[in-house]
Every structure is written in C-alpha cells, then in structure tokens.
C-alpha atoms as a PDB file:
ATOM      1  CA  MET A   1    -116.395-126.765 106.904  1.00  0.00           C
ATOM      2  CA  ARG A   2    -116.908-123.820 104.548  1.00  0.00           C
ATOM      3  CA  ILE A   3    -114.450-121.049 103.766  1.00  0.00           C
ATOM      4  CA  THR A   4    -116.132-117.652 103.671  1.00  0.00           C
ATOM      5  CA  TYR A   5    -114.380-114.535 102.477  1.00  0.00           C
ATOM      6  CA  GLU A   6    -115.188-111.011 101.382  1.00  0.00           C
ATOM      7  CA  SER A   7    -114.690-110.148  97.746  1.00  0.00           C
ATOM      8  CA  THR A   8    -111.904-107.612  97.372  1.00  0.00           C
ATOM      9  CA  GLY A   9    -111.770-106.742  93.693  1.00  0.00           C
ATOM     10  CA  PRO A  10    -108.891-108.488  91.953  1.00  0.00           C
ATOM     11  CA  TYR A  11    -107.193-109.493  95.210  1.00  0.00           C
ATOM     12  CA  HIS A  12    -109.460-112.414  96.071  1.00  0.00           C
ATOM     13  CA  ARG A  13    -109.284-114.110  92.655  1.00  0.00           C
ATOM     14  CA  ALA A  14    -106.049-116.061  93.161  1.00  0.00           C
ATOM     15  CA  PHE A  15    -107.256-117.117  96.620  1.00  0.00           C
ATOM     16  CA  LYS A  16    -110.591-118.307  95.187  1.00  0.00           C
ATOM     17  CA  GLN A  17    -108.968-120.181  92.314  1.00  0.00           C
ATOM     18  CA  ALA A  18    -106.448-121.970  94.536  1.00  0.00           C
ATOM     19  CA  LEU A  19    -109.090-123.147  97.007  1.00  0.00           C
ATOM     20  CA  ALA A  20    -111.563-124.102  94.274  1.00  0.00           C
ATOM     21  CA  LYS A  21    -108.847-126.149  92.566  1.00  0.00           C
ATOM     22  CA  GLU A  22    -108.539-128.126  95.802  1.00  0.00           C
ATOM     23  CA  GLY A  23    -112.305-128.669  95.850  1.00  0.00           C
ATOM     24  CA  LEU A  24    -112.851-126.732  99.067  1.00  0.00           C
ATOM     25  CA  PRO A  25    -116.330-125.299  99.715  1.00  0.00           C
ATOM     26  CA  LEU A  26    -116.332-121.510  99.344  1.00  0.00           C
ATOM     27  CA  SER A  27    -118.692-118.658 100.021  1.00  0.00           C
ATOM     28  CA  LYS A  28    -117.884-115.196  98.725  1.00  0.00           C
ATOM     29  CA  VAL A  29    -119.781-112.394 100.427  1.00  0.00           C
ATOM     30  CA  ASN A  30    -120.181-108.762  99.488  1.00  0.00           C
ATOM     31  CA  PRO A  31    -118.207-106.591 101.958  1.00  0.00           C
ATOM     32  CA  LYS A  32    -121.087-104.105 102.231  1.00  0.00           C
ATOM     33  CA  GLN A  33    -123.531-106.904 103.106  1.00  0.00           C
ATOM     34  CA  ALA A  34    -121.060-108.340 105.607  1.00  0.00           C
ATOM     35  CA  ARG A  35    -120.724-104.929 107.274  1.00  0.00           C
ATOM     36  CA  ARG A  36    -124.485-104.533 107.447  1.00  0.00           C
ATOM     37  CA  PHE A  37    -124.800-107.995 108.976  1.00  0.00           C
ATOM     38  CA  ALA A  38    -122.193-107.018 111.578  1.00  0.00           C
ATOM     39  CA  GLU A  39    -124.044-103.803 112.372  1.00  0.00           C
ATOM     40  CA  ALA A  40    -127.335-105.698 112.669  1.00  0.00           C
ATOM     41  CA  THR A  41    -125.745-107.998 115.238  1.00  0.00           C
ATOM     42  CA  GLY A  42    -124.295-105.074 117.197  1.00  0.00           C
ATOM     43  CA  LYS A  43    -120.662-105.599 116.209  1.00  0.00           C
ATOM     44  CA  LEU A  44    -119.346-102.174 115.306  1.00  0.00           C
ATOM     45  CA  ALA A  45    -115.620-102.784 115.829  1.00  0.00           C
ATOM     46  CA  LYS A  46    -113.586-103.438 112.685  1.00  0.00           C
ATOM     47  CA  THR A  47    -110.683-105.775 113.419  1.00  0.00           C
ATOM     48  CA  ASP A  48    -109.508-108.996 111.758  1.00  0.00           C
ATOM     49  CA  ARG A  49    -110.621-111.024 114.780  1.00  0.00           C
ATOM     50  CA  VAL A  50    -114.090-109.443 114.850  1.00  0.00           C
ATOM     51  CA  ASP A  51    -114.434-109.757 111.053  1.00  0.00           C
ATOM     52  CA  THR A  52    -113.490-113.434 111.154  1.00  0.00           C
ATOM     53  CA  ALA A  53    -116.032-114.225 113.855  1.00  0.00           C
ATOM     54  CA  MET A  54    -118.692-112.185 112.063  1.00  0.00           C
ATOM     55  CA  LEU A  55    -118.109-113.961 108.728  1.00  0.00           C
ATOM     56  CA  ALA A  56    -118.389-117.326 110.479  1.00  0.00           C
ATOM     57  CA  ARG A  57    -121.630-116.245 112.137  1.00  0.00           C
ATOM     58  CA  MET A  58    -122.977-114.838 108.882  1.00  0.00           C
ATOM     59  CA  THR A  59    -122.182-118.061 107.030  1.00  0.00           C
ATOM     60  CA  THR A  60    -123.899-120.164 109.678  1.00  0.00           C
ATOM     61  CA  THR A  61    -126.902-117.880 110.047  1.00  0.00           C
ATOM     62  CA  LEU A  62    -127.548-117.345 106.359  1.00  0.00           C
ATOM     63  CA  GLN A  63    -126.237-120.743 105.262  1.00  0.00           C
ATOM     64  CA  THR A  64    -124.313-119.214 102.379  1.00  0.00           C
ATOM     65  CA  SER A  65    -123.063-121.737  99.885  1.00  0.00           C
ATOM     66  CA  THR A  66    -121.471-122.083  96.508  1.00  0.00           C
ATOM     67  CA  THR A  67    -120.711-125.372  94.858  1.00  0.00           C
ATOM     68  CA  LEU A  68    -117.582-126.194  92.912  1.00  0.00           C
ATOM     69  CA  ALA A  69    -119.740-126.579  89.800  1.00  0.00           C
ATOM     70  CA  GLU A  70    -120.983-123.002  90.215  1.00  0.00           C
ATOM     71  CA  LEU A  71    -117.402-121.788  90.449  1.00  0.00           C
ATOM     72  CA  ILE A  72    -116.353-123.699  87.345  1.00  0.00           C
ATOM     73  CA  LEU A  73    -119.389-122.550  85.357  1.00  0.00           C
ATOM     74  CA  GLY A  74    -118.798-118.966  86.392  1.00  0.00           C
ATOM     75  CA  SER A  75    -122.190-118.283  87.922  1.00  0.00           C
ATOM     76  CA  PHE A  76    -120.366-117.284  91.099  1.00  0.00           C
ATOM     77  CA  GLY A  77    -118.864-114.209  89.474  1.00  0.00           C
ATOM     78  CA  THR A  78    -115.367-112.838  89.603  1.00  0.00           C
END
C-alpha cells in the first residue's frame, strides 16, 4: 500500500507529517503532472472520485515512491 497525494501548498504539510510519523509510505505528486497524466489517459473530468482513481493509476504506472528516510532528511521537499 502507498498513499499518494497532490501537493497543495501549505495544506498538505500536516497530512504528510502525520502519516510519515506513523511510518506510512507516501508519494507526493505535482498537481500539474497529475493533471497531465490524467489527460494522457483520456480522463478529462475533474471530480474527487476520478482524481482518486487517477492518482492510484499514476502511482502504479510510474511506481512513484518516497522512503521515510527521504522525508526525514528533507529531500522530499515541503
């Protein structure tokens, strides 16, 4: 299992920190890249349900990953 989410400025930071503290695997994706991935797969609708399915597909297809060590060391960004 991997939790993938779009970065949303300061709003995702508390979410990221709470999940990282629990040791859960996270992948943060750029919203613009996620939208382009959706467009490339023919998904033009913008709803929470479509976004969720698209992020899952993107994570699986691109095998995005970030380790807990990367989060702690800060190479993952804010």
